[in-house]
Structure formats: C-alpha cells, structure tokens
C-alpha cells in the first residue's frame, strides 16, 4: 500500500465512524446527521468543519487541510460531496499537494473517483 492509499484508508476509517462510537475518543468520527434539522448549506458547512477537524486530529501526515463543499449532482441529490485539500508530508520532510474527494450519504463517508 502506498502512502496516499494509507492516508485514504485511515481517513476512511475515521470519517466512516459515527461520533461517539469510540468511548475513549468522543470526537472520533462524523456527527450523526440523520437527526439534524439543518438546511443543506448549514449541513455542508457543519460537515466541512467537522471533516477538517478530524483530518487535523487523526491524520498527522497531512498539514493545512482545507475542506470545500462541492456542487450537488443531479443523479444523487441526497449525497453531499467534499474536496479535502492538504499538504502531505513526504518521507524526506518536503510538503506536496494532496487532494481527495469524498461523498457523505446517509451519514456514511465514501471515496469518490
């Protein structure tokens, strides 16, 4: 497994968990969005912030993460799309751009091509 795949795998575990599911780490995972009564834009903003905080806390190989909400796709109107952009710390200590697109649907995070 290469470094990028390892980072994506780790973040998939973190973002795929429901917040509160790990008793020793109460902030681990995404908050439960199924019971929230927020507008789409409020939900996108809340999740962008939550994803960014999780990347900072649980993925030490990335620096300066920025999470942006992407436009909705007509074929999946209930799926929220996000782009995670950061700088990956290479083994030699240099920083290089790193990007990953994910979707959140029914509170579950999935990698997007």
PDB file of N, CA and C in Angstrom:
ATOM      1  N   UNK A   1       0.863  -1.180   0.000  1.00  0.00           N
ATOM      2  CA  UNK A   1       0.000   0.000   0.000  1.00  0.00           C
ATOM      3  C   UNK A   1       0.905   1.237   0.000  1.00  0.00           C
ATOM      4  N   UNK A   2       0.646   2.157  -0.930  1.00  0.00           N
ATOM      5  CA  UNK A   2       1.464   3.367  -0.953  1.00  0.00           C
ATOM      6  C   UNK A   2       0.951   4.376   0.076  1.00  0.00           C
ATOM      7  N   UNK A   3       1.714   5.445   0.250  1.00  0.00           N
ATOM      8  CA  UNK A   3       1.410   6.447   1.285  1.00  0.00           C
ATOM      9  C   UNK A   3       0.032   7.091   1.105  1.00  0.00           C
ATOM     10  N   UNK A   4      -0.307   7.473  -0.133  1.00  0.00           N
ATOM     11  CA  UNK A   4      -1.612   8.101  -0.379  1.00  0.00           C
ATOM     12  C   UNK A   4      -2.749   7.140  -0.049  1.00  0.00           C
ATOM     13  N   UNK A   5      -2.590   5.896  -0.446  1.00  0.00           N
ATOM     14  CA  UNK A   5      -3.615   4.898  -0.154  1.00  0.00           C
ATOM     15  C   UNK A   5      -3.746   4.675   1.357  1.00  0.00           C
ATOM     16  N   UNK A   6      -2.625   4.690   2.054  1.00  0.00           N
ATOM     17  CA  UNK A   6      -2.635   4.534   3.505  1.00  0.00           C
ATOM     18  C   UNK A   6      -3.366   5.698   4.189  1.00  0.00           C
ATOM     19  N   UNK A   7      -3.140   6.907   3.700  1.00  0.00           N
ATOM     20  CA  UNK A   7      -3.818   8.090   4.251  1.00  0.00           C
ATOM     21  C   UNK A   7      -5.324   7.986   4.003  1.00  0.00           C
ATOM     22  N   UNK A   8      -5.695   7.624   2.778  1.00  0.00           N
ATOM     23  CA  UNK A   8      -7.123   7.495   2.447  1.00  0.00           C
ATOM     24  C   UNK A   8      -7.788   6.398   3.282  1.00  0.00           C
ATOM     25  N   UNK A   9      -7.069   5.308   3.484  1.00  0.00           N
ATOM     26  CA  UNK A   9      -7.599   4.207   4.289  1.00  0.00           C
ATOM     27  C   UNK A   9      -7.839   4.662   5.731  1.00  0.00           C
ATOM     28  N   UNK A  10      -6.866   5.366   6.305  1.00  0.00           N
ATOM     29  CA  UNK A  10      -7.017   5.875   7.670  1.00  0.00           C
ATOM     30  C   UNK A  10      -8.185   6.852   7.762  1.00  0.00           C
ATOM     31  N   UNK A  11      -8.245   7.796   6.830  1.00  0.00           N
ATOM     32  CA  UNK A  11      -9.338   8.774   6.865  1.00  0.00           C
ATOM     33  C   UNK A  11     -10.686   8.115   6.603  1.00  0.00           C
ATOM     34  N   UNK A  12     -10.721   7.071   5.796  1.00  0.00           N
ATOM     35  CA  UNK A  12     -11.982   6.346   5.576  1.00  0.00           C
ATOM     36  C   UNK A  12     -12.487   5.754   6.881  1.00  0.00           C
ATOM     37  N   UNK A  13     -11.578   5.222   7.685  1.00  0.00           N
ATOM     38  CA  UNK A  13     -11.973   4.671   8.997  1.00  0.00           C
ATOM     39  C   UNK A  13     -12.495   5.782   9.920  1.00  0.00           C
ATOM     40  N   UNK A  14     -11.751   6.878   9.973  1.00  0.00           N
ATOM     41  CA  UNK A  14     -12.135   7.985  10.859  1.00  0.00           C
ATOM     42  C   UNK A  14     -13.471   8.591  10.421  1.00  0.00           C
ATOM     43  N   UNK A  15     -13.582   8.898   9.133  1.00  0.00           N
ATOM     44  CA  UNK A  15     -14.787   9.559   8.633  1.00  0.00           C
ATOM     45  C   UNK A  15     -15.963   8.591   8.498  1.00  0.00           C
ATOM     46  N   UNK A  16     -15.679   7.311   8.472  1.00  0.00           N
ATOM     47  CA  UNK A  16     -16.737   6.307   8.390  1.00  0.00           C
ATOM     48  C   UNK A  16     -17.329   5.946   9.738  1.00  0.00           C
ATOM     49  N   UNK A  17     -16.670   6.374  10.795  1.00  0.00           N
ATOM     50  CA  UNK A  17     -17.171   6.094  12.144  1.00  0.00           C
ATOM     51  C   UNK A  17     -18.201   7.147  12.551  1.00  0.00           C
ATOM     52  N   UNK A  18     -19.114   6.751  13.393  1.00  0.00           N
ATOM     53  CA  UNK A  18     -20.110   7.672  13.949  1.00  0.00           C
ATOM     54  C   UNK A  18     -19.527   8.268  15.228  1.00  0.00           C
ATOM     55  N   UNK A  19     -19.565   9.580  15.335  1.00  0.00           N
ATOM     56  CA  UNK A  19     -19.049  10.250  16.523  1.00  0.00           C
ATOM     57  C   UNK A  19     -19.710   9.676  17.770  1.00  0.00           C
ATOM     58  N   UNK A  20     -18.885   9.349  18.762  1.00  0.00           N
ATOM     59  CA  UNK A  20     -19.390   8.767  19.999  1.00  0.00           C
ATOM     60  C   UNK A  20     -19.291   7.252  20.022  1.00  0.00           C
ATOM     61  N   UNK A  21     -18.946   6.632  18.888  1.00  0.00           N
ATOM     62  CA  UNK A  21     -18.862   5.169  18.830  1.00  0.00           C
ATOM     63  C   UNK A  21     -17.605   4.638  19.517  1.00  0.00           C
ATOM     64  N   UNK A  22     -16.573   5.468  19.635  1.00  0.00           N
ATOM     65  CA  UNK A  22     -15.336   5.072  20.305  1.00  0.00           C
ATOM     66  C   UNK A  22     -15.305   5.802  21.648  1.00  0.00           C
ATOM     67  N   UNK A  23     -15.569   5.063  22.709  1.00  0.00           N
ATOM     68  CA  UNK A  23     -15.732   5.669  24.026  1.00  0.00           C
ATOM     69  C   UNK A  23     -14.499   6.459  24.477  1.00  0.00           C
ATOM     70  N   UNK A  24     -13.310   5.968  24.184  1.00  0.00           N
ATOM     71  CA  UNK A  24     -12.088   6.643  24.616  1.00  0.00           C
ATOM     72  C   UNK A  24     -11.780   7.892  23.791  1.00  0.00           C
ATOM     73  N   UNK A  25     -12.408   8.010  22.611  1.00  0.00           N
ATOM     74  CA  UNK A  25     -12.191   9.158  21.721  1.00  0.00           C
ATOM     75  C   UNK A  25     -13.540   9.733  21.316  1.00  0.00           C
ATOM     76  N   UNK A  26     -14.165  10.546  22.163  1.00  0.00           N
ATOM     77  CA  UNK A  26     -15.526  11.010  21.883  1.00  0.00           C
ATOM     78  C   UNK A  26     -15.672  11.855  20.617  1.00  0.00           C
ATOM     79  N   UNK A  27     -14.581  12.458  20.121  1.00  0.00           N
ATOM     80  CA  UNK A  27     -14.682  13.275  18.905  1.00  0.00           C
ATOM     81  C   UNK A  27     -14.331  12.487  17.646  1.00  0.00           C
ATOM     82  N   UNK A  28     -14.030  11.204  17.765  1.00  0.00           N
ATOM     83  CA  UNK A  28     -13.645  10.359  16.630  1.00  0.00           C
ATOM     84  C   UNK A  28     -14.876  10.071  15.780  1.00  0.00           C
ATOM     85  N   UNK A  29     -14.816  10.381  14.496  1.00  0.00           N
ATOM     86  CA  UNK A  29     -15.915  10.108  13.578  1.00  0.00           C
ATOM     87  C   UNK A  29     -16.769  11.331  13.293  1.00  0.00           C
ATOM     88  N   UNK A  30     -17.622  11.166  12.289  1.00  0.00           N
ATOM     89  CA  UNK A  30     -18.535  12.246  11.899  1.00  0.00           C
ATOM     90  C   UNK A  30     -19.755  12.283  12.822  1.00  0.00           C
ATOM     91  N   UNK A  31     -20.288  13.473  13.052  1.00  0.00           N
ATOM     92  CA  UNK A  31     -21.511  13.556  13.856  1.00  0.00           C
ATOM     93  C   UNK A  31     -22.676  12.888  13.125  1.00  0.00           C
ATOM     94  N   UNK A  32     -23.649  12.432  13.887  1.00  0.00           N
ATOM     95  CA  UNK A  32     -24.849  11.809  13.311  1.00  0.00           C
ATOM     96  C   UNK A  32     -25.679  12.900  12.656  1.00  0.00           C
ATOM     97  N   UNK A  33     -25.818  12.822  11.332  1.00  0.00           N
ATOM     98  CA  UNK A  33     -26.554  13.868  10.612  1.00  0.00           C
ATOM     99  C   UNK A  33     -28.002  13.490  10.354  1.00  0.00           C
ATOM    100  N   UNK A  34     -28.368  12.260  10.671  1.00  0.00           N
ATOM    101  CA  UNK A  34     -29.731  11.799  10.375  1.00  0.00           C
ATOM    102  C   UNK A  34     -30.789  12.473  11.236  1.00  0.00           C
ATOM    103  N   UNK A  35     -30.421  12.927  12.419  1.00  0.00           N
ATOM    104  CA  UNK A  35     -31.394  13.542  13.315  1.00  0.00           C
ATOM    105  C   UNK A  35     -31.359  15.065  13.298  1.00  0.00           C
ATOM    106  N   UNK A  36     -30.514  15.633  12.450  1.00  0.00           N
ATOM    107  CA  UNK A  36     -30.374  17.080  12.420  1.00  0.00           C
ATOM    108  C   UNK A  36     -31.430  17.721  11.527  1.00  0.00           C
ATOM    109  N   UNK A  37     -31.849  18.898  11.916  1.00  0.00           N
ATOM    110  CA  UNK A  37     -32.816  19.655  11.114  1.00  0.00           C
ATOM    111  C   UNK A  37     -32.143  20.926  10.603  1.00  0.00           C
ATOM    112  N   UNK A  38     -31.110  20.739   9.804  1.00  0.00           N
ATOM    113  CA  UNK A  38     -30.363  21.857   9.245  1.00  0.00           C
ATOM    114  C   UNK A  38     -30.669  21.978   7.759  1.00  0.00           C
ATOM    115  N   UNK A  39     -30.500  23.173   7.236  1.00  0.00           N
ATOM    116  CA  UNK A  39     -30.614  23.347   5.787  1.00  0.00           C
ATOM    117  C   UNK A  39     -29.420  22.664   5.131  1.00  0.00           C
ATOM    118  N   UNK A  40     -29.488  22.449   3.844  1.00  0.00           N
ATOM    119  CA  UNK A  40     -28.378  21.810   3.124  1.00  0.00           C
ATOM    120  C   UNK A  40     -27.085  22.608   3.292  1.00  0.00           C
ATOM    121  N   UNK A  41     -27.162  23.919   3.171  1.00  0.00           N
ATOM    122  CA  UNK A  41     -25.955  24.744   3.292  1.00  0.00           C
ATOM    123  C   UNK A  41     -25.393  24.704   4.717  1.00  0.00           C
ATOM    124  N   UNK A  42     -26.261  24.700   5.720  1.00  0.00           N
ATOM    125  CA  UNK A  42     -25.799  24.587   7.110  1.00  0.00           C
ATOM    126  C   UNK A  42     -25.136  23.234   7.350  1.00  0.00           C
ATOM    127  N   UNK A  43     -25.726  22.187   6.792  1.00  0.00           N
ATOM    128  CA  UNK A  43     -25.181  20.844   6.928  1.00  0.00           C
ATOM    129  C   UNK A  43     -23.820  20.747   6.247  1.00  0.00           C
ATOM    130  N   UNK A  44     -23.708  21.313   5.047  1.00  0.00           N
ATOM    131  CA  UNK A  44     -22.434  21.305   4.324  1.00  0.00           C
ATOM    132  C   UNK A  44     -21.360  22.040   5.122  1.00  0.00           C
ATOM    133  N   UNK A  45     -21.715  23.165   5.674  1.00  0.00           N
ATOM    134  CA  UNK A  45     -20.765  23.950   6.464  1.00  0.00           C
ATOM    135  C   UNK A  45     -20.342  23.188   7.719  1.00  0.00           C
ATOM    136  N   UNK A  46     -21.310  22.603   8.419  1.00  0.00           N
ATOM    137  CA  UNK A  46     -21.014  21.849   9.636  1.00  0.00           C
ATOM    138  C   UNK A  46     -20.123  20.651   9.333  1.00  0.00           C
ATOM    139  N   UNK A  47     -20.430  19.916   8.263  1.00  0.00           N
ATOM    140  CA  UNK A  47     -19.625  18.743   7.917  1.00  0.00           C
ATOM    141  C   UNK A  47     -18.237  19.139   7.414  1.00  0.00           C
ATOM    142  N   UNK A  48     -18.129  20.213   6.651  1.00  0.00           N
ATOM    143  CA  UNK A  48     -16.816  20.686   6.195  1.00  0.00           C
ATOM    144  C   UNK A  48     -15.917  20.950   7.389  1.00  0.00           C
ATOM    145  N   UNK A  49     -16.455  21.640   8.367  1.00  0.00           N
ATOM    146  CA  UNK A  49     -15.695  21.950   9.578  1.00  0.00           C
ATOM    147  C   UNK A  49     -15.328  20.675  10.350  1.00  0.00           C
ATOM    148  N   UNK A  50     -16.280  19.765  10.485  1.00  0.00           N
ATOM    149  CA  UNK A  50     -16.031  18.510  11.210  1.00  0.00           C
ATOM    150  C   UNK A  50     -14.959  17.680  10.513  1.00  0.00           C
ATOM    151  N   UNK A  51     -15.033  17.576   9.180  1.00  0.00           N
ATOM    152  CA  UNK A  51     -14.049  16.808   8.417  1.00  0.00           C
ATOM    153  C   UNK A  51     -12.666  17.421   8.587  1.00  0.00           C
ATOM    154  N   UNK A  52     -12.594  18.732   8.481  1.00  0.00           N
ATOM    155  CA  UNK A  52     -11.309  19.427   8.627  1.00  0.00           C
ATOM    156  C   UNK A  52     -10.702  19.157  10.006  1.00  0.00           C
ATOM    157  N   UNK A  53     -11.511  19.239  11.053  1.00  0.00           N
ATOM    158  CA  UNK A  53     -11.020  18.985  12.411  1.00  0.00           C
ATOM    159  C   UNK A  53     -10.541  17.542  12.572  1.00  0.00           C
ATOM    160  N   UNK A  54     -11.247  16.598  11.963  1.00  0.00           N
ATOM    161  CA  UNK A  54     -10.848  15.194  12.052  1.00  0.00           C
ATOM    162  C   UNK A  54      -9.537  14.939  11.318  1.00  0.00           C
ATOM    163  N   UNK A  55      -9.349  15.584  10.180  1.00  0.00           N
ATOM    164  CA  UNK A  55      -8.088  15.436   9.446  1.00  0.00           C
ATOM    165  C   UNK A  55      -6.936  15.969  10.293  1.00  0.00           C
ATOM    166  N   UNK A  56      -7.120  17.144  10.882  1.00  0.00           N
ATOM    167  CA  UNK A  56      -6.075  17.743  11.722  1.00  0.00           C
ATOM    168  C   UNK A  56      -5.730  16.814  12.889  1.00  0.00           C
ATOM    169  N   UNK A  57      -6.742  16.271  13.524  1.00  0.00           N
ATOM    170  CA  UNK A  57      -6.511  15.479  14.741  1.00  0.00           C
ATOM    171  C   UNK A  57      -6.016  14.061  14.467  1.00  0.00           C
ATOM    172  N   UNK A  58      -6.531  13.419  13.413  1.00  0.00           N
ATOM    173  CA  UNK A  58      -6.276  11.990  13.243  1.00  0.00           C
ATOM    174  C   UNK A  58      -5.431  11.606  12.027  1.00  0.00           C
ATOM    175  N   UNK A  59      -4.942  12.563  11.265  1.00  0.00           N
ATOM    176  CA  UNK A  59      -4.056  12.224  10.154  1.00  0.00           C
ATOM    177  C   UNK A  59      -2.820  13.116  10.188  1.00  0.00           C
ATOM    178  N   UNK A  60      -1.796  12.694  10.949  1.00  0.00           N
ATOM    179  CA  UNK A  60      -0.598  13.526  11.140  1.00  0.00           C
ATOM    180  C   UNK A  60       0.278  13.677   9.897  1.00  0.00           C
ATOM    181  N   UNK A  61       0.024  12.901   8.852  1.00  0.00           N
ATOM    182  CA  UNK A  61       0.823  13.019   7.625  1.00  0.00           C
ATOM    183  C   UNK A  61       0.353  14.156   6.734  1.00  0.00           C
ATOM    184  N   UNK A  62      -0.759  14.814   7.117  1.00  0.00           N
ATOM    185  CA  UNK A  62      -1.287  15.938   6.341  1.00  0.00           C
ATOM    186  C   UNK A  62      -1.190  17.223   7.149  1.00  0.00           C
ATOM    187  N   UNK A  63      -0.924  18.316   6.445  1.00  0.00           N
ATOM    188  CA  UNK A  63      -0.857  19.639   7.061  1.00  0.00           C
ATOM    189  C   UNK A  63      -1.808  20.586   6.332  1.00  0.00           C
ATOM    190  N   UNK A  64      -2.275  21.577   7.053  1.00  0.00           N
ATOM    191  CA  UNK A  64      -3.086  22.663   6.488  1.00  0.00           C
ATOM    192  C   UNK A  64      -4.277  22.171   5.659  1.00  0.00           C
ATOM    193  N   UNK A  65      -5.098  21.285   6.213  1.00  0.00           N
ATOM    194  CA  UNK A  65      -6.240  20.807   5.419  1.00  0.00           C
ATOM    195  C   UNK A  65      -7.278  21.898   5.203  1.00  0.00           C
ATOM    196  N   UNK A  66      -7.873  21.855   4.028  1.00  0.00           N
ATOM    197  CA  UNK A  66      -8.988  22.726   3.679  1.00  0.00           C
ATOM    198  C   UNK A  66     -10.063  21.820   3.080  1.00  0.00           C
ATOM    199  N   UNK A  67     -11.264  21.939   3.580  1.00  0.00           N
ATOM    200  CA  UNK A  67     -12.360  21.110   3.096  1.00  0.00           C
ATOM    201  C   UNK A  67     -13.389  22.018   2.447  1.00  0.00           C
ATOM    202  N   UNK A  68     -13.725  21.703   1.207  1.00  0.00           N
ATOM    203  CA  UNK A  68     -14.694  22.502   0.466  1.00  0.00           C
ATOM    204  C   UNK A  68     -15.862  21.633   0.032  1.00  0.00           C
ATOM    205  N   UNK A  69     -17.042  22.176   0.169  1.00  0.00           N
ATOM    206  CA  UNK A  69     -18.237  21.503  -0.310  1.00  0.00           C
ATOM    207  C   UNK A  69     -18.298  21.656  -1.824  1.00  0.00           C
ATOM    208  N   UNK A  70     -18.640  20.563  -2.521  1.00  0.00           N
ATOM    209  CA  UNK A  70     -18.742  20.584  -3.978  1.00  0.00           C
ATOM    210  C   UNK A  70     -20.209  20.622  -4.400  1.00  0.00           C
ATOM    211  N   UNK A  71     -20.479  21.067  -5.622  1.00  0.00           N
ATOM    212  CA  UNK A  71     -21.869  21.128  -6.084  1.00  0.00           C
ATOM    213  C   UNK A  71     -22.540  19.747  -6.078  1.00  0.00           C
ATOM    214  N   UNK A  72     -23.823  19.763  -5.825  1.00  0.00           N
ATOM    215  CA  UNK A  72     -24.636  18.548  -5.818  1.00  0.00           C
ATOM    216  C   UNK A  72     -24.734  17.992  -7.230  1.00  0.00           C
ATOM    217  N   UNK A  73     -24.799  16.670  -7.319  1.00  0.00           N
ATOM    218  CA  UNK A  73     -25.009  16.012  -8.613  1.00  0.00           C
ATOM    219  C   UNK A  73     -26.482  15.667  -8.749  1.00  0.00           C
ATOM    220  N   UNK A  74     -27.034  15.905  -9.937  1.00  0.00           N
ATOM    221  CA  UNK A  74     -28.469  15.654 -10.160  1.00  0.00           C
ATOM    222  C   UNK A  74     -28.867  14.214  -9.889  1.00  0.00           C
ATOM    223  N   UNK A  75     -27.996  13.269 -10.243  1.00  0.00           N
ATOM    224  CA  UNK A  75     -28.352  11.858 -10.088  1.00  0.00           C
ATOM    225  C   UNK A  75     -28.347  11.392  -8.629  1.00  0.00           C
ATOM    226  N   UNK A  76     -27.769  12.182  -7.732  1.00  0.00           N
ATOM    227  CA  UNK A  76     -27.763  11.797  -6.311  1.00  0.00           C
ATOM    228  C   UNK A  76     -27.963  13.037  -5.435  1.00  0.00           C
ATOM    229  N   UNK A  77     -29.203  13.545  -5.371  1.00  0.00           N
ATOM    230  CA  UNK A  77     -29.469  14.805  -4.669  1.00  0.00           C
ATOM    231  C   UNK A  77     -29.299  14.748  -3.150  1.00  0.00           C
ATOM    232  N   UNK A  78     -29.229  13.558  -2.572  1.00  0.00           N
ATOM    233  CA  UNK A  78     -29.088  13.458  -1.115  1.00  0.00           C
ATOM    234  C   UNK A  78     -27.651  13.169  -0.696  1.00  0.00           C
ATOM    235  N   UNK A  79     -26.748  13.189  -1.663  1.00  0.00           N
ATOM    236  CA  UNK A  79     -25.339  12.943  -1.391  1.00  0.00           C
ATOM    237  C   UNK A  79     -24.593  14.264  -1.353  1.00  0.00           C
ATOM    238  N   UNK A  80     -23.818  14.463  -0.294  1.00  0.00           N
ATOM    239  CA  UNK A  80     -23.001  15.666  -0.156  1.00  0.00           C
ATOM    240  C   UNK A  80     -21.579  15.324  -0.585  1.00  0.00           C
ATOM    241  N   UNK A  81     -20.984  16.180  -1.401  1.00  0.00           N
ATOM    242  CA  UNK A  81     -19.630  15.960  -1.897  1.00  0.00           C
ATOM    243  C   UNK A  81     -18.680  16.982  -1.299  1.00  0.00           C
ATOM    244  N   UNK A  82     -17.477  16.511  -0.963  1.00  0.00           N
ATOM    245  CA  UNK A  82     -16.467  17.379  -0.365  1.00  0.00           C
ATOM    246  C   UNK A  82     -15.104  17.095  -0.991  1.00  0.00           C
ATOM    247  N   UNK A  83     -14.323  18.135  -1.124  1.00  0.00           N
ATOM    248  CA  UNK A  83     -12.938  18.010  -1.558  1.00  0.00           C
ATOM    249  C   UNK A  83     -12.055  18.336  -0.358  1.00  0.00           C
ATOM    250  N   UNK A  84     -11.133  17.419  -0.057  1.00  0.00           N
ATOM    251  CA  UNK A  84     -10.152  17.655   1.002  1.00  0.00           C
ATOM    252  C   UNK A  84      -8.839  17.977   0.303  1.00  0.00           C
ATOM    253  N   UNK A  85      -8.317  19.157   0.572  1.00  0.00           N
ATOM    254  CA  UNK A  85      -7.028  19.565   0.019  1.00  0.00           C
ATOM    255  C   UNK A  85      -6.099  19.841   1.181  1.00  0.00           C
ATOM    256  N   UNK A  86      -4.888  19.326   1.073  1.00  0.00           N
ATOM    257  CA  UNK A  86      -3.919  19.485   2.151  1.00  0.00           C
ATOM    258  C   UNK A  86      -2.513  19.388   1.569  1.00  0.00           C
ATOM    259  N   UNK A  87      -1.547  19.443   2.444  1.00  0.00           N
ATOM    260  CA  UNK A  87      -0.167  19.205   2.070  1.00  0.00           C
ATOM    261  C   UNK A  87       0.270  17.926   2.769  1.00  0.00           C
ATOM    262  N   UNK A  88       0.774  16.987   1.986  1.00  0.00           N
ATOM    263  CA  UNK A  88       1.243  15.718   2.542  1.00  0.00           C
ATOM    264  C   UNK A  88       2.722  15.854   2.867  1.00  0.00           C
ATOM    265  N   UNK A  89       3.085  15.373   4.032  1.00  0.00           N
ATOM    266  CA  UNK A  89       4.493  15.394   4.434  1.00  0.00           C
ATOM    267  C   UNK A  89       5.158  14.145   3.864  1.00  0.00           C
ATOM    268  N   UNK A  90       6.090  14.366   2.967  1.00  0.00           N
ATOM    269  CA  UNK A  90       6.821  13.239   2.384  1.00  0.00           C
ATOM    270  C   UNK A  90       7.843  12.702   3.373  1.00  0.00           C
ATOM    271  N   UNK A  91       8.346  11.532   3.102  1.00  0.00           N
ATOM    272  CA  UNK A  91       9.348  10.909   3.983  1.00  0.00           C
ATOM    273  C   UNK A  91      10.609  11.765   4.125  1.00  0.00           C
ATOM    274  N   UNK A  92      10.915  12.552   3.087  1.00  0.00           N
ATOM    275  CA  UNK A  92      12.097  13.416   3.158  1.00  0.00           C
ATOM    276  C   UNK A  92      11.790  14.758   3.828  1.00  0.00           C
ATOM    277  N   UNK A  93      10.555  14.930   4.319  1.00  0.00           N
ATOM    278  CA  UNK A  93      10.181  16.139   5.046  1.00  0.00           C
ATOM    279  C   UNK A  93       9.575  17.235   4.184  1.00  0.00           C
ATOM    280  N   UNK A  94       9.680  17.094   2.870  1.00  0.00           N
ATOM    281  CA  UNK A  94       9.086  18.108   1.992  1.00  0.00           C
ATOM    282  C   UNK A  94       7.566  17.957   1.968  1.00  0.00           C
ATOM    283  N   UNK A  95       6.894  19.052   1.647  1.00  0.00           N
ATOM    284  CA  UNK A  95       5.436  19.049   1.540  1.00  0.00           C
ATOM    285  C   UNK A  95       5.035  18.995   0.072  1.00  0.00           C
ATOM    286  N   UNK A  96       3.985  18.240  -0.230  1.00  0.00           N
ATOM    287  CA  UNK A  96       3.458  18.213  -1.590  1.00  0.00           C
ATOM    288  C   UNK A  96       1.938  18.261  -1.527  1.00  0.00           C
ATOM    289  N   UNK A  97       1.299  18.815  -2.561  1.00  0.00           N
ATOM    290  CA  UNK A  97      -0.168  18.916  -2.571  1.00  0.00           C
ATOM    291  C   UNK A  97      -0.815  17.528  -2.516  1.00  0.00           C
ATOM    292  N   UNK A  98      -1.920  17.444  -1.815  1.00  0.00           N
ATOM    293  CA  UNK A  98      -2.676  16.198  -1.669  1.00  0.00           C
ATOM    294  C   UNK A  98      -4.156  16.539  -1.738  1.00  0.00           C
ATOM    295  N   UNK A  99      -4.918  15.792  -2.535  1.00  0.00           N
ATOM    296  CA  UNK A  99      -6.355  16.053  -2.706  1.00  0.00           C
ATOM    297  C   UNK A  99      -7.117  14.738  -2.691  1.00  0.00           C
ATOM    298  N   UNK A 100      -8.310  14.783  -2.114  1.00  0.00           N
ATOM    299  CA  UNK A 100      -9.178  13.611  -2.096  1.00  0.00           C
ATOM    300  C   UNK A 100     -10.622  14.105  -2.116  1.00  0.00           C
ATOM    301  N   UNK A 101     -11.461  13.480  -2.912  1.00  0.00           N
ATOM    302  CA  UNK A 101     -12.878  13.816  -2.969  1.00  0.00           C
ATOM    303  C   UNK A 101     -13.664  12.695  -2.314  1.00  0.00           C
ATOM    304  N   UNK A 102     -14.570  13.084  -1.416  1.00  0.00           N
ATOM    305  CA  UNK A 102     -15.393  12.103  -0.712  1.00  0.00           C
ATOM    306  C   UNK A 102     -16.865  12.482  -0.849  1.00  0.00           C
ATOM    307  N   UNK A 103     -17.712  11.504  -0.601  1.00  0.00           N
ATOM    308  CA  UNK A 103     -19.149  11.768  -0.547  1.00  0.00           C
ATOM    309  C   UNK A 103     -19.653  11.324   0.815  1.00  0.00           C
ATOM    310  N   UNK A 104     -20.678  12.012   1.295  1.00  0.00           N
ATOM    311  CA  UNK A 104     -21.339  11.645   2.539  1.00  0.00           C
ATOM    312  C   UNK A 104     -22.805  11.454   2.203  1.00  0.00           C
ATOM    313  N   UNK A 105     -23.270  10.227   2.421  1.00  0.00           N
ATOM    314  CA  UNK A 105     -24.637   9.867   2.089  1.00  0.00           C
ATOM    315  C   UNK A 105     -25.188   9.035   3.245  1.00  0.00           C
ATOM    316  N   UNK A 106     -26.301   9.463   3.804  1.00  0.00           N
ATOM    317  CA  UNK A 106     -26.902   8.791   4.955  1.00  0.00           C
ATOM    318  C   UNK A 106     -25.901   8.656   6.103  1.00  0.00           C
ATOM    319  N   UNK A 107     -25.032   9.685   6.245  1.00  0.00           N
ATOM    320  CA  UNK A 107     -24.070   9.700   7.324  1.00  0.00           C
ATOM    321  C   UNK A 107     -22.846   8.841   7.096  1.00  0.00           C
ATOM    322  N   UNK A 108     -22.719   8.215   5.923  1.00  0.00           N
ATOM    323  CA  UNK A 108     -21.580   7.357   5.622  1.00  0.00           C
ATOM    324  C   UNK A 108     -20.660   8.056   4.631  1.00  0.00           C
ATOM    325  N   UNK A 109     -19.369   7.968   4.895  1.00  0.00           N
ATOM    326  CA  UNK A 109     -18.358   8.580   4.031  1.00  0.00           C
ATOM    327  C   UNK A 109     -17.858   7.543   3.027  1.00  0.00           C
ATOM    328  N   UNK A 110     -17.720   7.996   1.767  1.00  0.00           N
ATOM    329  CA  UNK A 110     -17.202   7.111   0.721  1.00  0.00           C
ATOM    330  C   UNK A 110     -16.201   7.895  -0.139  1.00  0.00           C
ATOM    331  N   UNK A 111     -15.220   7.192  -0.639  1.00  0.00           N
ATOM    332  CA  UNK A 111     -14.260   7.779  -1.550  1.00  0.00           C
ATOM    333  C   UNK A 111     -14.910   7.976  -2.908  1.00  0.00           C
ATOM    334  N   UNK A 112     -14.557   9.056  -3.584  1.00  0.00           N
ATOM    335  CA  UNK A 112     -15.091   9.326  -4.926  1.00  0.00           C
ATOM    336  C   UNK A 112     -13.924   9.322  -5.908  1.00  0.00           C
ATOM    337  N   UNK A 113     -14.187   8.844  -7.090  1.00  0.00           N
ATOM    338  CA  UNK A 113     -13.142   8.842  -8.122  1.00  0.00           C
ATOM    339  C   UNK A 113     -12.927  10.234  -8.676  1.00  0.00           C
TER     340      UNK A 113
END
